[in-house]
Amino acid sequence: MDVSAQPIILISKDKNKEIQHWIERNSSKVRVIEFYHLSPDSQNIILKQAAGILMGGGEDIHPSYYGREDAIEVCGKIDPYRDSIEMVLLDYAKSKKIPVFGICRGLQIMNVRYGGTLIADIPSEMPSEIKHSQTGVDSAHQVKASEESEMFKAVGELKLVVNSTHHQAIKNLAPNFEIVAKANDGIIEAISYTSSNLWFAHAVQWHPERLKNQASDNLCKFFLSAVLERK
């Protein structure tokens, strides 16, 4: 297949290429490009060619974006440049109805961009028996999904054991999104745009790219199908 003719999926940032490998493991019909390290001129050009956008995990979002400037002391590393380019990616995707999938931070920035807020630090603001983050390793816990969810119909399972590495989470959900999965302590673990016939936008709080199982591959294929159908 002519590589230049393949639909392009932009990943906002993909530090260890784990998201790229996850996508490539599930389809040879797309081309993956990391957006973060492109020059501004290249970003402008490639964004217009995007058939899908994936918002990856990573640094904390600056709390000023959700009205919690006071929470800066409990935040981890912040990357203002990443915050700004991901806002651009989301705005463009929504305006052009480009499919979007979010992972961990990706879920959080989607929520913040469209009017939601975050728990700035789960341990201090919402203590839980579930360890959503541990130093140096992924935690593991169960999530339960809605049987009405388009995303989890595609996954084929409603109860999943997922990996977890986050100390922030959704507090107030953005308008026009719905909660489609939660952890047993009430932390929101997956969201979907309510009018999926108008815009494909879904996100999960865990890291499916690091899980080599059928449910995680089905999540990837769910996103890929939207990208390929649009193209």
C-alpha atoms as a PDB file:
ATOM      1  CA  MET A   1       0.000   0.000   0.000  1.00  0.00           C
ATOM      2  CA  ASP A   2       1.210   3.497  -0.834  1.00  0.00           C
ATOM      3  CA  VAL A   3       2.189   4.989   2.537  1.00  0.00           C
ATOM      4  CA  SER A   4       1.350   8.500   1.345  1.00  0.00           C
ATOM      5  CA  ALA A   5      -2.245   7.375   0.738  1.00  0.00           C
ATOM      6  CA  GLN A   6      -2.728   5.961   4.227  1.00  0.00           C
ATOM      7  CA  PRO A   7      -4.977   7.846   6.666  1.00  0.00           C
ATOM      8  CA  ILE A   8      -2.896   9.797   9.179  1.00  0.00           C
ATOM      9  CA  ILE A   9      -3.421   9.437  12.920  1.00  0.00           C
ATOM     10  CA  LEU A  10      -1.828  12.195  14.984  1.00  0.00           C
ATOM     11  CA  ILE A  11      -0.700  11.316  18.493  1.00  0.00           C
ATOM     12  CA  SER A  12      -0.348  14.415  20.642  1.00  0.00           C
ATOM     13  CA  LYS A  13       2.719  12.985  22.441  1.00  0.00           C
ATOM     14  CA  ASP A  14       4.006   9.429  22.647  1.00  0.00           C
ATOM     15  CA  LYS A  15       7.128   9.328  24.814  1.00  0.00           C
ATOM     16  CA  ASN A  16       8.029   5.648  24.417  1.00  0.00           C
ATOM     17  CA  LYS A  17       6.157   4.982  21.168  1.00  0.00           C
ATOM     18  CA  GLU A  18       3.821   2.651  23.059  1.00  0.00           C
ATOM     19  CA  ILE A  19       0.705   4.177  21.509  1.00  0.00           C
ATOM     20  CA  GLN A  20       2.204   3.973  18.035  1.00  0.00           C
ATOM     21  CA  HIS A  21       3.034   0.292  18.534  1.00  0.00           C
ATOM     22  CA  TRP A  22      -0.492  -0.365  19.869  1.00  0.00           C
ATOM     23  CA  ILE A  23      -2.036   1.188  16.780  1.00  0.00           C
ATOM     24  CA  GLU A  24       0.342  -0.545  14.383  1.00  0.00           C
ATOM     25  CA  ARG A  25      -0.309  -3.881  16.090  1.00  0.00           C
ATOM     26  CA  ASN A  26      -3.991  -3.489  15.254  1.00  0.00           C
ATOM     27  CA  SER A  27      -3.828  -2.005  11.754  1.00  0.00           C
ATOM     28  CA  SER A  28      -1.392  -1.668   8.876  1.00  0.00           C
ATOM     29  CA  LYS A  29      -3.755   0.690   7.045  1.00  0.00           C
ATOM     30  CA  VAL A  30      -2.862   3.912   8.867  1.00  0.00           C
ATOM     31  CA  ARG A  31       0.202   6.119   9.281  1.00  0.00           C
ATOM     32  CA  VAL A  32       1.061   7.401  12.758  1.00  0.00           C
ATOM     33  CA  ILE A  33       2.727  10.776  13.371  1.00  0.00           C
ATOM     34  CA  GLU A  34       3.642  12.308  16.736  1.00  0.00           C
ATOM     35  CA  PHE A  35       2.503  15.941  16.734  1.00  0.00           C
ATOM     36  CA  TYR A  36       4.475  17.324  19.686  1.00  0.00           C
ATOM     37  CA  HIS A  37       7.947  17.392  18.113  1.00  0.00           C
ATOM     38  CA  LEU A  38       6.943  18.777  14.710  1.00  0.00           C
ATOM     39  CA  SER A  39       7.890  22.348  13.818  1.00  0.00           C
ATOM     40  CA  PRO A  40       5.001  24.860  13.849  1.00  0.00           C
ATOM     41  CA  ASP A  41       4.954  24.926  10.045  1.00  0.00           C
ATOM     42  CA  SER A  42       4.812  21.139   9.860  1.00  0.00           C
ATOM     43  CA  GLN A  43       2.096  21.058  12.527  1.00  0.00           C
ATOM     44  CA  ASN A  44      -0.069  23.391  10.450  1.00  0.00           C
ATOM     45  CA  ILE A  45       0.363  21.255   7.356  1.00  0.00           C
ATOM     46  CA  ILE A  46      -0.060  17.831   8.932  1.00  0.00           C
ATOM     47  CA  LEU A  47      -3.061  18.814  11.047  1.00  0.00           C
ATOM     48  CA  LYS A  48      -5.039  19.442   7.857  1.00  0.00           C
ATOM     49  CA  GLN A  49      -4.292  15.869   6.769  1.00  0.00           C
ATOM     50  CA  ALA A  50      -5.357  14.175  10.020  1.00  0.00           C
ATOM     51  CA  ALA A  51      -7.987  11.442   9.826  1.00  0.00           C
ATOM     52  CA  GLY A  52      -7.812  10.714  13.551  1.00  0.00           C
ATOM     53  CA  ILE A  53      -6.287  12.235  16.691  1.00  0.00           C
ATOM     54  CA  LEU A  54      -5.166  10.382  19.803  1.00  0.00           C
ATOM     55  CA  MET A  55      -4.484  12.285  23.018  1.00  0.00           C
ATOM     56  CA  GLY A  56      -1.929  10.358  25.073  1.00  0.00           C
ATOM     57  CA  GLY A  57      -0.931  10.243  28.720  1.00  0.00           C
ATOM     58  CA  GLY A  58       1.713  12.324  30.443  1.00  0.00           C
ATOM     59  CA  GLU A  59       2.152  15.489  32.468  1.00  0.00           C
ATOM     60  CA  ASP A  60      -0.476  17.208  34.607  1.00  0.00           C
ATOM     61  CA  ILE A  61      -2.610  19.897  32.976  1.00  0.00           C
ATOM     62  CA  HIS A  62      -2.045  23.378  34.360  1.00  0.00           C
ATOM     63  CA  PRO A  63      -4.802  23.881  36.977  1.00  0.00           C
ATOM     64  CA  SER A  64      -5.599  27.365  35.683  1.00  0.00           C
ATOM     65  CA  TYR A  65      -7.422  25.656  32.813  1.00  0.00           C
ATOM     66  CA  TYR A  66     -10.054  24.381  35.236  1.00  0.00           C
ATOM     67  CA  GLY A  67     -10.107  27.244  37.732  1.00  0.00           C
ATOM     68  CA  ARG A  68      -7.876  25.683  40.389  1.00  0.00           C
ATOM     69  CA  GLU A  69      -4.781  27.874  40.405  1.00  0.00           C
ATOM     70  CA  ASP A  70      -4.529  27.087  44.126  1.00  0.00           C
ATOM     71  CA  ALA A  71      -3.863  23.437  43.273  1.00  0.00           C
ATOM     72  CA  ILE A  72      -0.499  24.081  41.625  1.00  0.00           C
ATOM     73  CA  GLU A  73       1.317  22.811  44.729  1.00  0.00           C
ATOM     74  CA  VAL A  74      -0.195  19.324  44.462  1.00  0.00           C
ATOM     75  CA  CYS A  75       0.408  19.030  40.721  1.00  0.00           C
ATOM     76  CA  GLY A  76       3.288  17.117  39.237  1.00  0.00           C
ATOM     77  CA  LYS A  77       5.273  18.131  36.169  1.00  0.00           C
ATOM     78  CA  ILE A  78       3.433  20.553  33.866  1.00  0.00           C
ATOM     79  CA  ASP A  79       4.164  21.208  30.191  1.00  0.00           C
ATOM     80  CA  PRO A  80       2.501  24.492  29.097  1.00  0.00           C
ATOM     81  CA  TYR A  81       3.460  23.911  25.460  1.00  0.00           C
ATOM     82  CA  ARG A  82       1.737  20.556  25.459  1.00  0.00           C
ATOM     83  CA  ASP A  83      -1.356  22.051  27.084  1.00  0.00           C
ATOM     84  CA  SER A  84      -1.577  24.675  24.355  1.00  0.00           C
ATOM     85  CA  ILE A  85      -1.083  22.377  21.352  1.00  0.00           C
ATOM     86  CA  GLU A  86      -3.558  19.824  22.692  1.00  0.00           C
ATOM     87  CA  MET A  87      -6.188  22.531  23.012  1.00  0.00           C
ATOM     88  CA  VAL A  88      -5.551  23.354  19.343  1.00  0.00           C
ATOM     89  CA  LEU A  89      -5.817  19.676  18.374  1.00  0.00           C
ATOM     90  CA  LEU A  90      -9.117  19.264  20.213  1.00  0.00           C
ATOM     91  CA  ASP A  91     -10.644  22.438  18.794  1.00  0.00           C
ATOM     92  CA  TYR A  92      -9.664  21.459  15.266  1.00  0.00           C
ATOM     93  CA  ALA A  93     -10.905  17.900  15.702  1.00  0.00           C
ATOM     94  CA  LYS A  94     -14.293  19.038  16.951  1.00  0.00           C
ATOM     95  CA  SER A  95     -14.706  21.650  14.221  1.00  0.00           C
ATOM     96  CA  LYS A  96     -13.852  19.133  11.488  1.00  0.00           C
ATOM     97  CA  LYS A  97     -15.522  16.126  13.177  1.00  0.00           C
ATOM     98  CA  ILE A  98     -12.233  14.194  13.254  1.00  0.00           C
ATOM     99  CA  PRO A  99     -12.397  11.078  15.493  1.00  0.00           C
ATOM    100  CA  VAL A 100     -10.601  11.545  18.818  1.00  0.00           C
ATOM    101  CA  PHE A 101      -9.567   9.014  21.430  1.00  0.00           C
ATOM    102  CA  GLY A 102      -8.069   9.979  24.791  1.00  0.00           C
ATOM    103  CA  ILE A 103      -5.829   8.027  27.152  1.00  0.00           C
ATOM    104  CA  CYS A 104      -5.295   9.045  30.809  1.00  0.00           C
ATOM    105  CA  ARG A 105      -4.237  12.725  30.518  1.00  0.00           C
ATOM    106  CA  GLY A 106      -6.062  12.640  27.178  1.00  0.00           C
ATOM    107  CA  LEU A 107      -9.348  11.986  28.982  1.00  0.00           C
ATOM    108  CA  GLN A 108      -8.611  14.788  31.422  1.00  0.00           C
ATOM    109  CA  ILE A 109      -7.760  17.434  28.831  1.00  0.00           C
ATOM    110  CA  MET A 110     -10.821  16.547  26.763  1.00  0.00           C
ATOM    111  CA  ASN A 111     -12.944  17.067  29.852  1.00  0.00           C
ATOM    112  CA  VAL A 112     -11.233  20.340  30.789  1.00  0.00           C
ATOM    113  CA  ARG A 113     -11.342  21.762  27.263  1.00  0.00           C
ATOM    114  CA  TYR A 114     -15.086  21.368  27.049  1.00  0.00           C
ATOM    115  CA  GLY A 115     -15.977  22.809  30.433  1.00  0.00           C
ATOM    116  CA  GLY A 116     -15.267  20.111  33.013  1.00  0.00           C
ATOM    117  CA  THR A 117     -12.996  20.200  36.056  1.00  0.00           C
ATOM    118  CA  LEU A 118     -10.492  17.863  37.700  1.00  0.00           C
ATOM    119  CA  ILE A 119      -9.674  16.440  41.078  1.00  0.00           C
ATOM    120  CA  ALA A 120      -6.172  17.901  41.334  1.00  0.00           C
ATOM    121  CA  ASP A 121      -4.868  15.172  43.647  1.00  0.00           C
ATOM    122  CA  ILE A 122      -6.860  12.034  44.439  1.00  0.00           C
ATOM    123  CA  PRO A 123      -4.989  11.050  47.653  1.00  0.00           C
ATOM    124  CA  SER A 124      -5.563  14.436  49.331  1.00  0.00           C
ATOM    125  CA  GLU A 125      -8.965  15.330  47.868  1.00  0.00           C
ATOM    126  CA  MET A 126     -10.679  11.951  47.539  1.00  0.00           C
ATOM    127  CA  PRO A 127      -8.860   9.302  49.615  1.00  0.00           C
ATOM    128  CA  SER A 128      -9.543   5.800  48.354  1.00  0.00           C
ATOM    129  CA  GLU A 129      -8.627   2.205  49.080  1.00  0.00           C
ATOM    130  CA  ILE A 130      -7.789   1.882  45.399  1.00  0.00           C
ATOM    131  CA  LYS A 131      -4.263   2.944  44.531  1.00  0.00           C
ATOM    132  CA  HIS A 132      -4.708   4.810  41.278  1.00  0.00           C
ATOM    133  CA  SER A 133      -1.001   5.575  41.135  1.00  0.00           C
ATOM    134  CA  GLN A 134       2.168   4.020  42.536  1.00  0.00           C
ATOM    135  CA  THR A 135       5.744   5.160  42.078  1.00  0.00           C
ATOM    136  CA  GLY A 136       7.470   3.400  39.234  1.00  0.00           C
ATOM    137  CA  VAL A 137       4.792   0.819  38.407  1.00  0.00           C
ATOM    138  CA  ASP A 138       1.223   0.592  37.161  1.00  0.00           C
ATOM    139  CA  SER A 139      -1.484  -0.153  39.681  1.00  0.00           C
ATOM    140  CA  ALA A 140      -4.358  -2.484  38.809  1.00  0.00           C
ATOM    141  CA  HIS A 141      -8.042  -2.266  39.669  1.00  0.00           C
ATOM    142  CA  GLN A 142     -11.445  -3.093  38.266  1.00  0.00           C
ATOM    143  CA  VAL A 143     -13.735  -0.790  36.294  1.00  0.00           C
ATOM    144  CA  LYS A 144     -17.384  -1.346  35.496  1.00  0.00           C
ATOM    145  CA  ALA A 145     -18.836  -0.007  32.259  1.00  0.00           C
ATOM    146  CA  SER A 146     -22.329   0.903  31.107  1.00  0.00           C
ATOM    147  CA  GLU A 147     -23.984  -1.780  28.998  1.00  0.00           C
ATOM    148  CA  GLU A 148     -25.436   1.016  26.843  1.00  0.00           C
ATOM    149  CA  SER A 149     -22.014   2.361  25.927  1.00  0.00           C
ATOM    150  CA  GLU A 150     -21.067   2.215  22.249  1.00  0.00           C
ATOM    151  CA  MET A 151     -17.423   1.963  23.270  1.00  0.00           C
ATOM    152  CA  PHE A 152     -17.882  -1.003  25.577  1.00  0.00           C
ATOM    153  CA  LYS A 153     -20.158  -2.816  23.194  1.00  0.00           C
ATOM    154  CA  ALA A 154     -17.130  -2.762  20.905  1.00  0.00           C
ATOM    155  CA  VAL A 155     -14.826  -3.873  23.719  1.00  0.00           C
ATOM    156  CA  GLY A 156     -17.095  -6.835  24.440  1.00  0.00           C
ATOM    157  CA  GLU A 157     -16.687  -6.684  28.233  1.00  0.00           C
ATOM    158  CA  LEU A 158     -18.347  -4.603  30.939  1.00  0.00           C
ATOM    159  CA  LYS A 159     -16.034  -5.502  33.834  1.00  0.00           C
ATOM    160  CA  LEU A 160     -12.356  -4.969  33.161  1.00  0.00           C
ATOM    161  CA  VAL A 161      -9.189  -5.092  35.223  1.00  0.00           C
ATOM    162  CA  VAL A 162      -7.160  -2.125  34.050  1.00  0.00           C
ATOM    163  CA  ASN A 163      -3.781  -0.561  34.721  1.00  0.00           C
ATOM    164  CA  SER A 164      -3.653   2.783  36.472  1.00  0.00           C
ATOM    165  CA  THR A 165      -1.043   5.508  36.863  1.00  0.00           C
ATOM    166  CA  HIS A 166      -2.735   8.823  37.642  1.00  0.00           C
ATOM    167  CA  HIS A 167      -3.208  11.034  40.695  1.00  0.00           C
ATOM    168  CA  GLN A 168      -5.764  13.306  38.999  1.00  0.00           C
ATOM    169  CA  ALA A 169      -9.226  12.500  37.661  1.00  0.00           C
ATOM    170  CA  ILE A 170     -12.460  14.056  36.454  1.00  0.00           C
ATOM    171  CA  LYS A 171     -14.415  15.951  39.113  1.00  0.00           C
ATOM    172  CA  ASN A 172     -17.202  17.702  37.184  1.00  0.00           C
ATOM    173  CA  LEU A 173     -17.987  16.207  33.806  1.00  0.00           C
ATOM    174  CA  ALA A 174     -17.965  18.475  30.764  1.00  0.00           C
ATOM    175  CA  PRO A 175     -21.349  19.241  29.161  1.00  0.00           C
ATOM    176  CA  ASN A 176     -22.273  17.010  26.221  1.00  0.00           C
ATOM    177  CA  PHE A 177     -20.202  14.114  27.560  1.00  0.00           C
ATOM    178  CA  GLU A 178     -21.414  11.081  29.471  1.00  0.00           C
ATOM    179  CA  ILE A 179     -19.768   8.774  31.977  1.00  0.00           C
ATOM    180  CA  VAL A 180     -19.530   5.249  30.592  1.00  0.00           C
ATOM    181  CA  ALA A 181     -17.273   3.551  33.165  1.00  0.00           C
ATOM    182  CA  LYS A 182     -16.241   4.014  36.787  1.00  0.00           C
ATOM    183  CA  ALA A 183     -13.907   2.411  39.302  1.00  0.00           C
ATOM    184  CA  ASN A 184     -15.415   0.897  42.443  1.00  0.00           C
ATOM    185  CA  ASP A 185     -14.535   4.053  44.409  1.00  0.00           C
ATOM    186  CA  GLY A 186     -16.488   6.265  42.020  1.00  0.00           C
ATOM    187  CA  ILE A 187     -13.548   7.653  40.036  1.00  0.00           C
ATOM    188  CA  ILE A 188     -14.612   8.239  36.429  1.00  0.00           C
ATOM    189  CA  GLU A 189     -12.730   5.850  34.160  1.00  0.00           C
ATOM    190  CA  ALA A 190     -14.249   6.425  30.702  1.00  0.00           C
ATOM    191  CA  ILE A 191     -16.304   9.094  28.944  1.00  0.00           C
ATOM    192  CA  SER A 192     -17.997   9.504  25.568  1.00  0.00           C
ATOM    193  CA  TYR A 193     -19.396  12.418  23.603  1.00  0.00           C
ATOM    194  CA  THR A 194     -23.147  12.086  23.815  1.00  0.00           C
ATOM    195  CA  SER A 195     -23.890  12.768  20.139  1.00  0.00           C
ATOM    196  CA  SER A 196     -21.589  10.118  18.703  1.00  0.00           C
ATOM    197  CA  ASN A 197     -23.331  10.348  15.341  1.00  0.00           C
ATOM    198  CA  LEU A 198     -22.050  13.940  15.116  1.00  0.00           C
ATOM    199  CA  TRP A 199     -18.547  13.461  16.533  1.00  0.00           C
ATOM    200  CA  PHE A 200     -16.586  10.386  17.614  1.00  0.00           C
ATOM    201  CA  ALA A 201     -14.899  11.396  20.889  1.00  0.00           C
ATOM    202  CA  HIS A 202     -14.197   8.794  23.566  1.00  0.00           C
ATOM    203  CA  ALA A 203     -11.578   8.453  26.294  1.00  0.00           C
ATOM    204  CA  VAL A 204     -10.386   6.143  29.058  1.00  0.00           C
ATOM    205  CA  GLN A 205      -8.438   6.893  32.221  1.00  0.00           C
ATOM    206  CA  TRP A 206      -6.159   3.855  32.009  1.00  0.00           C
ATOM    207  CA  HIS A 207      -3.421   2.885  29.518  1.00  0.00           C
ATOM    208  CA  PRO A 208      -4.726   0.265  27.060  1.00  0.00           C
ATOM    209  CA  GLU A 209      -1.585   0.633  24.951  1.00  0.00           C
ATOM    210  CA  ARG A 210       0.345  -1.099  27.747  1.00  0.00           C
ATOM    211  CA  LEU A 211      -2.090  -3.997  28.071  1.00  0.00           C
ATOM    212  CA  LYS A 212      -1.712  -6.845  25.626  1.00  0.00           C
ATOM    213  CA  ASN A 213      -5.192  -8.345  25.829  1.00  0.00           C
ATOM    214  CA  GLN A 214      -8.254  -8.600  23.620  1.00  0.00           C
ATOM    215  CA  ALA A 215     -10.217  -5.871  25.405  1.00  0.00           C
ATOM    216  CA  SER A 216      -7.428  -3.347  24.858  1.00  0.00           C
ATOM    217  CA  ASP A 217      -7.011  -4.344  21.231  1.00  0.00           C
ATOM    218  CA  ASN A 218     -10.776  -3.987  20.769  1.00  0.00           C
ATOM    219  CA  LEU A 219     -10.561  -0.426  22.124  1.00  0.00           C
ATOM    220  CA  CYS A 220      -7.913   0.352  19.544  1.00  0.00           C
ATOM    221  CA  LYS A 221      -9.975  -1.203  16.754  1.00  0.00           C
ATOM    222  CA  PHE A 222     -13.002   0.814  17.908  1.00  0.00           C
ATOM    223  CA  PHE A 223     -11.034   4.020  17.295  1.00  0.00           C
ATOM    224  CA  LEU A 224      -9.444   2.731  14.096  1.00  0.00           C
ATOM    225  CA  SER A 225     -12.808   1.811  12.619  1.00  0.00           C
ATOM    226  CA  ALA A 226     -13.997   5.403  13.070  1.00  0.00           C
ATOM    227  CA  VAL A 227     -10.821   6.729  11.436  1.00  0.00           C
ATOM    228  CA  LEU A 228     -11.035   4.370   8.467  1.00  0.00           C
ATOM    229  CA  GLU A 229     -14.766   4.903   7.975  1.00  0.00           C
ATOM    230  CA  ARG A 230     -14.271   8.676   7.915  1.00  0.00           C
ATOM    231  CA  LYS A 231     -11.447   8.418   5.397  1.00  0.00           C
END
